[in-house]
Amino acid sequence: MPNTEIDLNPIDFITVGTVGPKGQRIFHLQAGKGAEIITLTVEKEQTWALGEAIREMIRDLDKRLPAIDMTPAIFNMELRDPVEPMFRVAQMGLGYDDDQDKIVLIAQEFLVANEDPDAEEAQPGVVRLWCSRAQMRALSEHSVATVQAGRPDPKQNGRLIYYWT
């Protein structure tokens, strides 16, 4: 089975958002370049971890390599229609290209193990999104805010709480 491999360099926008009511939200990572929109389904924990990892990476980059343009930028962080996920993300990674002064976010597809021994070995899809530091800084802040916008008590996480008196 051929795998999907997409490389958007550079992207025009990147965001995370949710669809559905609190307690049943589905998280999406979305980016686009021109008319091409890529939507990926991510877990809430992945969204939080991504925001924190980006924050740490940018802090380190700003210490080592001062950004050329430090002008604060305002981005539209809403999901764009259509919200049609390409795949569910298994893992994400971050990298940095000195020559472009761009951060790359790499997302790899989650594959369910195939129980058919005769089936071809499936390869996970990969999406690479090349972003400016300003775009990633905005994504980091928005990712954390999106996760925190859920239920006031995340320990409830879809569970019914019983109280005895």
N, C-alpha and C. Protein backbone atom coordinates (compact mmCIF):
# COMPACT_ATOMS: atom_id res chain seq x y z
N MET A 1 0.85 -1.18 0.00
CA MET A 1 0.00 0.00 0.00
C MET A 1 0.90 1.24 0.00
N PRO A 2 0.75 2.12 -1.00
CA PRO A 2 1.58 3.32 -1.04
C PRO A 2 1.23 4.26 0.11
N ASN A 3 2.26 4.93 0.61
CA ASN A 3 2.01 5.85 1.71
C ASN A 3 1.86 7.27 1.19
N THR A 4 1.20 8.11 2.01
CA THR A 4 1.03 9.51 1.70
C THR A 4 2.26 10.26 2.19
N GLU A 5 2.80 11.12 1.36
CA GLU A 5 3.92 11.94 1.78
C GLU A 5 3.70 13.34 1.23
N ILE A 6 3.50 14.29 2.15
CA ILE A 6 3.20 15.66 1.77
C ILE A 6 4.22 16.58 2.43
N ASP A 7 4.71 17.54 1.66
CA ASP A 7 5.71 18.49 2.14
C ASP A 7 5.23 19.89 1.75
N LEU A 8 4.74 20.67 2.73
CA LEU A 8 4.31 22.04 2.46
C LEU A 8 5.38 23.00 2.97
N ASN A 9 6.07 23.64 2.04
CA ASN A 9 7.19 24.51 2.40
C ASN A 9 7.16 25.78 1.55
N PRO A 10 6.83 26.91 2.16
CA PRO A 10 6.35 27.13 3.52
C PRO A 10 4.83 27.08 3.55
N ILE A 11 4.28 26.98 4.73
CA ILE A 11 2.83 26.98 4.89
C ILE A 11 2.34 28.42 4.99
N ASP A 12 1.06 28.62 4.66
CA ASP A 12 0.43 29.94 4.82
C ASP A 12 -0.18 30.09 6.20
N PHE A 13 -0.69 28.96 6.74
CA PHE A 13 -1.28 28.99 8.08
C PHE A 13 -1.12 27.63 8.74
N ILE A 14 -1.20 27.64 10.08
CA ILE A 14 -1.19 26.42 10.87
C ILE A 14 -1.99 26.69 12.13
N THR A 15 -2.77 25.70 12.55
CA THR A 15 -3.59 25.87 13.75
C THR A 15 -3.99 24.52 14.31
N VAL A 16 -4.54 24.54 15.49
CA VAL A 16 -5.23 23.39 16.07
C VAL A 16 -6.62 23.85 16.46
N GLY A 17 -7.54 22.94 16.46
CA GLY A 17 -8.90 23.27 16.85
C GLY A 17 -9.65 22.01 17.18
N THR A 18 -10.88 22.19 17.64
CA THR A 18 -11.69 21.04 18.02
C THR A 18 -13.04 21.09 17.32
N VAL A 19 -13.62 19.92 17.19
CA VAL A 19 -14.97 19.78 16.68
C VAL A 19 -15.71 18.94 17.71
N GLY A 20 -16.89 19.40 18.09
CA GLY A 20 -17.70 18.66 19.04
C GLY A 20 -17.80 19.35 20.38
N PRO A 21 -18.75 18.88 21.22
CA PRO A 21 -18.95 19.50 22.54
C PRO A 21 -17.87 19.09 23.53
N LYS A 22 -17.73 19.88 24.59
CA LYS A 22 -16.76 19.56 25.64
C LYS A 22 -17.02 18.15 26.13
N GLY A 23 -15.94 17.43 26.36
CA GLY A 23 -16.05 16.04 26.78
C GLY A 23 -16.08 15.06 25.62
N GLN A 24 -16.39 15.58 24.43
CA GLN A 24 -16.43 14.73 23.23
C GLN A 24 -15.69 15.40 22.07
N ARG A 25 -14.82 16.34 22.41
CA ARG A 25 -14.12 17.08 21.37
C ARG A 25 -13.14 16.18 20.61
N ILE A 26 -13.05 16.44 19.34
CA ILE A 26 -12.05 15.79 18.49
C ILE A 26 -11.07 16.89 18.10
N PHE A 27 -9.79 16.66 18.37
CA PHE A 27 -8.74 17.64 18.11
C PHE A 27 -8.17 17.45 16.72
N HIS A 28 -7.93 18.58 16.05
CA HIS A 28 -7.37 18.55 14.70
C HIS A 28 -6.20 19.52 14.60
N LEU A 29 -5.18 19.09 13.90
CA LEU A 29 -4.07 19.94 13.50
C LEU A 29 -4.32 20.24 12.03
N GLN A 30 -4.26 21.52 11.67
CA GLN A 30 -4.58 21.89 10.29
C GLN A 30 -3.57 22.92 9.80
N ALA A 31 -3.18 22.77 8.55
CA ALA A 31 -2.26 23.72 7.92
C ALA A 31 -2.61 23.81 6.45
N GLY A 32 -2.14 24.87 5.82
CA GLY A 32 -2.43 25.01 4.41
C GLY A 32 -1.43 25.88 3.69
N LYS A 33 -1.40 25.67 2.40
CA LYS A 33 -0.58 26.47 1.50
C LYS A 33 -1.41 26.67 0.24
N GLY A 34 -1.73 27.92 -0.05
CA GLY A 34 -2.59 28.19 -1.19
C GLY A 34 -3.95 27.55 -0.97
N ALA A 35 -4.43 26.83 -1.96
CA ALA A 35 -5.74 26.18 -1.86
C ALA A 35 -5.67 24.82 -1.16
N GLU A 36 -4.45 24.32 -0.88
CA GLU A 36 -4.30 23.01 -0.26
C GLU A 36 -4.41 23.11 1.26
N ILE A 37 -5.36 22.39 1.83
CA ILE A 37 -5.56 22.35 3.28
C ILE A 37 -5.35 20.91 3.73
N ILE A 38 -4.49 20.75 4.74
CA ILE A 38 -4.20 19.44 5.32
C ILE A 38 -4.79 19.44 6.73
N THR A 39 -5.64 18.47 7.02
CA THR A 39 -6.21 18.32 8.36
C THR A 39 -5.84 16.94 8.88
N LEU A 40 -5.33 16.91 10.10
CA LEU A 40 -4.93 15.66 10.75
C LEU A 40 -5.62 15.58 12.11
N THR A 41 -6.04 14.39 12.50
CA THR A 41 -6.64 14.20 13.81
C THR A 41 -5.54 13.90 14.81
N VAL A 42 -5.57 14.61 15.95
CA VAL A 42 -4.59 14.42 17.01
C VAL A 42 -5.32 14.22 18.33
N GLU A 43 -4.61 13.69 19.30
CA GLU A 43 -5.17 13.51 20.64
C GLU A 43 -4.97 14.79 21.45
N LYS A 44 -5.78 14.95 22.49
CA LYS A 44 -5.65 16.12 23.36
C LYS A 44 -4.26 16.18 23.97
N GLU A 45 -3.75 15.05 24.42
CA GLU A 45 -2.42 15.01 25.03
C GLU A 45 -1.33 15.38 24.03
N GLN A 46 -1.51 14.97 22.78
CA GLN A 46 -0.54 15.33 21.73
C GLN A 46 -0.56 16.84 21.49
N THR A 47 -1.75 17.42 21.54
CA THR A 47 -1.90 18.86 21.34
C THR A 47 -1.16 19.62 22.43
N TRP A 48 -1.35 19.18 23.67
CA TRP A 48 -0.68 19.81 24.81
C TRP A 48 0.84 19.66 24.68
N ALA A 49 1.28 18.44 24.41
CA ALA A 49 2.72 18.17 24.31
C ALA A 49 3.34 18.96 23.16
N LEU A 50 2.64 19.09 22.05
CA LEU A 50 3.14 19.87 20.92
C LEU A 50 3.34 21.33 21.32
N GLY A 51 2.35 21.90 21.99
CA GLY A 51 2.47 23.28 22.43
C GLY A 51 3.67 23.50 23.33
N GLU A 52 3.88 22.58 24.27
CA GLU A 52 5.02 22.70 25.19
C GLU A 52 6.35 22.49 24.47
N ALA A 53 6.41 21.53 23.55
CA ALA A 53 7.66 21.26 22.82
C ALA A 53 8.04 22.44 21.93
N ILE A 54 7.05 23.04 21.29
CA ILE A 54 7.33 24.21 20.45
C ILE A 54 7.85 25.36 21.30
N ARG A 55 7.21 25.59 22.45
CA ARG A 55 7.63 26.67 23.34
C ARG A 55 9.09 26.49 23.74
N GLU A 56 9.45 25.27 24.12
CA GLU A 56 10.83 24.97 24.53
C GLU A 56 11.80 25.16 23.37
N MET A 57 11.43 24.69 22.19
CA MET A 57 12.30 24.80 21.02
C MET A 57 12.53 26.26 20.65
N ILE A 58 11.48 27.06 20.63
CA ILE A 58 11.62 28.46 20.26
C ILE A 58 12.45 29.22 21.29
N ARG A 59 12.26 28.89 22.56
CA ARG A 59 13.06 29.52 23.61
C ARG A 59 14.54 29.24 23.36
N ASP A 60 14.87 28.00 23.03
CA ASP A 60 16.25 27.64 22.75
C ASP A 60 16.77 28.32 21.48
N LEU A 61 15.94 28.34 20.43
CA LEU A 61 16.36 28.98 19.18
C LEU A 61 16.60 30.47 19.37
N ASP A 62 15.72 31.13 20.11
CA ASP A 62 15.86 32.57 20.33
C ASP A 62 17.14 32.90 21.10
N LYS A 63 17.57 31.99 21.98
CA LYS A 63 18.83 32.21 22.71
C LYS A 63 20.03 32.04 21.79
N ARG A 64 20.01 30.98 20.98
CA ARG A 64 21.16 30.66 20.13
C ARG A 64 21.20 31.49 18.85
N LEU A 65 20.05 31.69 18.23
CA LEU A 65 19.98 32.36 16.94
C LEU A 65 18.86 33.40 16.97
N PRO A 66 19.18 34.63 17.26
CA PRO A 66 18.12 35.65 17.31
C PRO A 66 17.34 35.68 16.00
N ALA A 67 16.04 35.78 16.12
CA ALA A 67 15.17 35.81 14.94
C ALA A 67 15.40 37.09 14.16
N ILE A 68 15.29 37.01 12.85
CA ILE A 68 15.49 38.16 12.00
C ILE A 68 14.35 39.16 12.18
N ASP A 69 13.12 38.66 12.20
CA ASP A 69 11.95 39.53 12.33
C ASP A 69 11.24 39.19 13.63
N MET A 70 11.30 40.08 14.59
CA MET A 70 10.67 39.86 15.89
C MET A 70 9.34 40.59 16.03
N THR A 71 8.80 41.10 14.91
CA THR A 71 7.53 41.80 14.94
C THR A 71 6.42 40.84 15.37
N PRO A 72 5.66 41.20 16.42
CA PRO A 72 4.57 40.31 16.83
C PRO A 72 3.56 40.16 15.69
N ALA A 73 3.13 38.97 15.46
CA ALA A 73 2.19 38.69 14.37
C ALA A 73 0.87 38.19 14.94
N ILE A 74 -0.19 38.53 14.24
CA ILE A 74 -1.52 38.06 14.63
C ILE A 74 -1.98 37.12 13.53
N PHE A 75 -2.37 35.93 13.93
CA PHE A 75 -2.79 34.92 12.98
C PHE A 75 -4.23 34.51 13.25
N ASN A 76 -4.94 34.11 12.19
CA ASN A 76 -6.27 33.54 12.33
C ASN A 76 -6.09 32.08 12.74
N MET A 77 -6.47 31.75 13.96
CA MET A 77 -6.24 30.40 14.48
C MET A 77 -7.50 29.53 14.41
N GLU A 78 -8.48 29.92 13.62
CA GLU A 78 -9.69 29.11 13.44
C GLU A 78 -9.43 27.99 12.43
N LEU A 79 -10.11 26.85 12.63
CA LEU A 79 -10.04 25.79 11.64
C LEU A 79 -10.73 26.27 10.36
N ARG A 80 -10.20 25.89 9.23
CA ARG A 80 -10.80 26.23 7.94
C ARG A 80 -11.64 25.06 7.46
N ASP A 81 -12.73 25.37 6.77
CA ASP A 81 -13.56 24.33 6.16
C ASP A 81 -12.98 23.97 4.81
N PRO A 82 -13.07 22.73 4.42
CA PRO A 82 -13.68 21.61 5.12
C PRO A 82 -12.69 20.97 6.12
N VAL A 83 -13.22 20.52 7.24
CA VAL A 83 -12.41 19.82 8.24
C VAL A 83 -12.57 18.32 7.95
N GLU A 84 -11.74 17.84 7.04
CA GLU A 84 -11.76 16.44 6.62
C GLU A 84 -10.39 15.83 6.87
N PRO A 85 -10.24 15.11 7.99
CA PRO A 85 -8.91 14.58 8.35
C PRO A 85 -8.36 13.60 7.32
N MET A 86 -7.09 13.77 7.03
CA MET A 86 -6.38 12.87 6.13
C MET A 86 -6.04 11.56 6.86
N PHE A 87 -5.58 11.70 8.13
CA PHE A 87 -5.30 10.54 8.95
C PHE A 87 -5.16 10.95 10.41
N ARG A 88 -5.12 9.94 11.29
CA ARG A 88 -4.88 10.15 12.73
C ARG A 88 -3.37 10.09 12.93
N VAL A 89 -2.86 11.00 13.74
CA VAL A 89 -1.42 11.11 13.96
C VAL A 89 -0.98 10.14 15.05
N ALA A 90 0.08 9.39 14.77
CA ALA A 90 0.69 8.49 15.76
C ALA A 90 1.74 9.25 16.55
N GLN A 91 2.60 9.98 15.84
CA GLN A 91 3.66 10.72 16.51
C GLN A 91 4.03 11.94 15.69
N MET A 92 4.58 12.93 16.42
CA MET A 92 5.02 14.17 15.78
C MET A 92 6.44 14.46 16.21
N GLY A 93 7.14 15.20 15.38
CA GLY A 93 8.49 15.63 15.71
C GLY A 93 8.71 17.04 15.19
N LEU A 94 9.71 17.70 15.76
CA LEU A 94 10.06 19.05 15.35
C LEU A 94 11.51 19.07 14.90
N GLY A 95 11.80 19.90 13.91
CA GLY A 95 13.17 20.09 13.44
C GLY A 95 13.35 21.55 13.06
N TYR A 96 14.59 21.90 12.80
CA TYR A 96 14.89 23.29 12.44
C TYR A 96 15.89 23.31 11.30
N ASP A 97 15.64 24.17 10.31
CA ASP A 97 16.54 24.35 9.18
C ASP A 97 17.17 25.73 9.28
N ASP A 98 18.49 25.78 9.53
CA ASP A 98 19.23 27.04 9.68
C ASP A 98 19.13 27.90 8.43
N ASP A 99 19.28 27.29 7.26
CA ASP A 99 19.31 28.04 6.01
C ASP A 99 18.01 28.79 5.76
N GLN A 100 16.89 28.16 6.06
CA GLN A 100 15.58 28.77 5.83
C GLN A 100 15.06 29.53 7.05
N ASP A 101 15.66 29.32 8.21
CA ASP A 101 15.14 29.82 9.49
C ASP A 101 13.68 29.39 9.62
N LYS A 102 13.44 28.10 9.38
CA LYS A 102 12.10 27.53 9.46
C LYS A 102 12.11 26.33 10.40
N ILE A 103 10.99 26.17 11.09
CA ILE A 103 10.78 24.99 11.93
C ILE A 103 9.89 24.05 11.14
N VAL A 104 10.26 22.78 11.14
CA VAL A 104 9.44 21.79 10.45
C VAL A 104 8.73 20.92 11.50
N LEU A 105 7.44 20.76 11.31
CA LEU A 105 6.63 19.86 12.12
C LEU A 105 6.35 18.65 11.26
N ILE A 106 6.77 17.49 11.75
CA ILE A 106 6.59 16.24 11.00
C ILE A 106 5.56 15.39 11.74
N ALA A 107 4.51 15.00 11.04
CA ALA A 107 3.45 14.17 11.62
C ALA A 107 3.41 12.85 10.87
N GLN A 108 3.37 11.77 11.64
CA GLN A 108 3.34 10.43 11.05
C GLN A 108 2.01 9.76 11.36
N GLU A 109 1.47 9.08 10.39
CA GLU A 109 0.17 8.43 10.48
C GLU A 109 0.16 7.25 11.45
N PHE A 110 -0.94 7.11 12.17
CA PHE A 110 -1.17 5.96 13.03
C PHE A 110 -1.73 4.84 12.17
N LEU A 111 -1.07 3.69 12.20
CA LEU A 111 -1.54 2.52 11.45
C LEU A 111 -1.94 1.43 12.41
N VAL A 112 -3.05 0.79 12.12
CA VAL A 112 -3.49 -0.36 12.90
C VAL A 112 -2.77 -1.58 12.34
N ALA A 113 -2.25 -2.41 13.23
CA ALA A 113 -1.52 -3.61 12.80
C ALA A 113 -2.44 -4.50 11.97
N ASN A 114 -1.92 -4.93 10.84
CA ASN A 114 -2.69 -5.80 9.95
C ASN A 114 -2.49 -7.25 10.39
N GLU A 115 -3.57 -7.94 10.62
CA GLU A 115 -3.48 -9.32 11.09
C GLU A 115 -3.35 -10.33 9.95
N ASP A 116 -3.46 -9.87 8.72
CA ASP A 116 -3.34 -10.75 7.56
C ASP A 116 -1.86 -10.91 7.23
N PRO A 117 -1.28 -12.12 7.42
CA PRO A 117 0.15 -12.32 7.17
C PRO A 117 0.54 -12.16 5.70
N ASP A 118 -0.43 -12.30 4.78
CA ASP A 118 -0.13 -12.18 3.36
C ASP A 118 -0.23 -10.74 2.86
N ALA A 119 -0.75 -9.87 3.68
CA ALA A 119 -0.91 -8.47 3.25
C ALA A 119 0.45 -7.78 3.16
N GLU A 120 0.53 -6.83 2.23
CA GLU A 120 1.77 -6.06 2.10
C GLU A 120 1.99 -5.21 3.33
N GLU A 121 3.24 -4.96 3.62
CA GLU A 121 3.60 -4.12 4.76
C GLU A 121 3.21 -2.67 4.43
N ALA A 122 2.26 -2.12 5.18
CA ALA A 122 1.81 -0.75 4.96
C ALA A 122 2.82 0.23 5.56
N GLN A 123 3.02 1.32 4.88
CA GLN A 123 3.91 2.37 5.35
C GLN A 123 3.05 3.55 5.81
N PRO A 124 3.39 4.13 6.96
CA PRO A 124 2.59 5.26 7.44
C PRO A 124 2.79 6.50 6.58
N GLY A 125 1.72 7.29 6.47
CA GLY A 125 1.81 8.56 5.78
C GLY A 125 2.60 9.55 6.61
N VAL A 126 3.22 10.51 5.94
CA VAL A 126 4.03 11.53 6.61
C VAL A 126 3.67 12.89 6.02
N VAL A 127 3.49 13.86 6.91
CA VAL A 127 3.25 15.24 6.49
C VAL A 127 4.31 16.12 7.13
N ARG A 128 4.96 16.95 6.31
CA ARG A 128 5.95 17.91 6.81
C ARG A 128 5.42 19.31 6.57
N LEU A 129 5.36 20.09 7.65
CA LEU A 129 4.84 21.45 7.58
C LEU A 129 5.96 22.41 7.99
N TRP A 130 6.40 23.25 7.06
CA TRP A 130 7.50 24.18 7.30
C TRP A 130 6.93 25.53 7.70
N CYS A 131 7.30 25.99 8.90
CA CYS A 131 6.68 27.17 9.50
C CYS A 131 7.71 28.18 9.97
N SER A 132 7.29 29.45 10.03
CA SER A 132 8.14 30.48 10.61
C SER A 132 8.08 30.36 12.13
N ARG A 133 9.02 30.99 12.80
CA ARG A 133 9.00 30.98 14.27
C ARG A 133 7.74 31.67 14.78
N ALA A 134 7.33 32.74 14.11
CA ALA A 134 6.12 33.46 14.55
C ALA A 134 4.89 32.56 14.45
N GLN A 135 4.78 31.81 13.37
CA GLN A 135 3.65 30.88 13.21
C GLN A 135 3.68 29.82 14.31
N MET A 136 4.86 29.29 14.59
CA MET A 136 4.97 28.24 15.60
C MET A 136 4.74 28.78 17.01
N ARG A 137 5.19 30.00 17.26
CA ARG A 137 4.94 30.62 18.57
C ARG A 137 3.43 30.76 18.79
N ALA A 138 2.71 31.22 17.75
CA ALA A 138 1.25 31.35 17.84
C ALA A 138 0.60 29.98 18.01
N LEU A 139 1.09 28.96 17.29
CA LEU A 139 0.54 27.61 17.43
C LEU A 139 0.75 27.08 18.84
N SER A 140 1.91 27.32 19.41
CA SER A 140 2.20 26.86 20.77
C SER A 140 1.21 27.44 21.76
N GLU A 141 1.03 28.75 21.72
CA GLU A 141 0.11 29.40 22.65
C GLU A 141 -1.33 28.93 22.43
N HIS A 142 -1.71 28.81 21.16
CA HIS A 142 -3.08 28.40 20.84
C HIS A 142 -3.34 26.94 21.22
N SER A 143 -2.33 26.08 21.07
CA SER A 143 -2.49 24.66 21.43
C SER A 143 -2.80 24.50 22.91
N VAL A 144 -2.03 25.17 23.75
CA VAL A 144 -2.24 25.09 25.19
C VAL A 144 -3.60 25.67 25.56
N ALA A 145 -3.97 26.81 24.96
CA ALA A 145 -5.26 27.43 25.24
C ALA A 145 -6.42 26.54 24.80
N THR A 146 -6.27 25.86 23.68
CA THR A 146 -7.33 24.98 23.18
C THR A 146 -7.56 23.81 24.12
N VAL A 147 -6.50 23.22 24.63
CA VAL A 147 -6.64 22.11 25.58
C VAL A 147 -7.29 22.62 26.86
N GLN A 148 -6.86 23.77 27.35
CA GLN A 148 -7.40 24.31 28.60
C GLN A 148 -8.84 24.78 28.46
N ALA A 149 -9.34 24.94 27.25
CA ALA A 149 -10.71 25.40 27.04
C ALA A 149 -11.73 24.27 27.25
N GLY A 150 -11.28 23.10 27.62
CA GLY A 150 -12.17 21.97 27.86
C GLY A 150 -12.89 22.08 29.19
N ARG A 151 -13.25 20.94 29.71
CA ARG A 151 -13.96 20.92 30.99
C ARG A 151 -13.09 21.51 32.09
N PRO A 152 -13.74 22.13 33.09
CA PRO A 152 -12.97 22.71 34.18
C PRO A 152 -12.16 21.68 34.96
N ASP A 153 -12.65 20.45 35.05
CA ASP A 153 -11.94 19.40 35.79
C ASP A 153 -11.56 18.29 34.82
N PRO A 154 -10.33 18.33 34.26
CA PRO A 154 -9.94 17.32 33.27
C PRO A 154 -9.92 15.90 33.81
N LYS A 155 -9.94 15.72 35.15
CA LYS A 155 -9.96 14.38 35.72
C LYS A 155 -11.26 13.66 35.39
N GLN A 156 -12.30 14.42 35.06
CA GLN A 156 -13.58 13.80 34.70
C GLN A 156 -13.49 13.13 33.34
N ASN A 157 -12.71 13.65 32.45
CA ASN A 157 -12.40 13.09 31.15
C ASN A 157 -13.35 12.01 30.66
N GLY A 158 -14.63 12.34 30.56
CA GLY A 158 -15.61 11.43 30.02
C GLY A 158 -16.11 10.40 31.01
N ARG A 159 -15.73 10.49 32.26
CA ARG A 159 -16.16 9.50 33.25
C ARG A 159 -17.33 10.04 34.07
N LEU A 160 -18.16 9.14 34.50
CA LEU A 160 -19.26 9.50 35.39
C LEU A 160 -18.72 9.43 36.82
N ILE A 161 -18.92 10.50 37.57
CA ILE A 161 -18.43 10.57 38.94
C ILE A 161 -19.60 10.27 39.88
N TYR A 162 -19.41 9.33 40.78
CA TYR A 162 -20.44 8.98 41.76
C TYR A 162 -20.08 9.58 43.11
N TYR A 163 -21.10 10.09 43.79
CA TYR A 163 -20.90 10.64 45.13
C TYR A 163 -21.82 9.92 46.09
N TRP A 164 -21.27 9.52 47.24
CA TRP A 164 -22.08 8.91 48.29
C TRP A 164 -22.10 9.85 49.48
N THR A 165 -23.23 9.95 50.13
CA THR A 165 -23.32 10.79 51.32
C THR A 165 -23.74 9.97 52.52
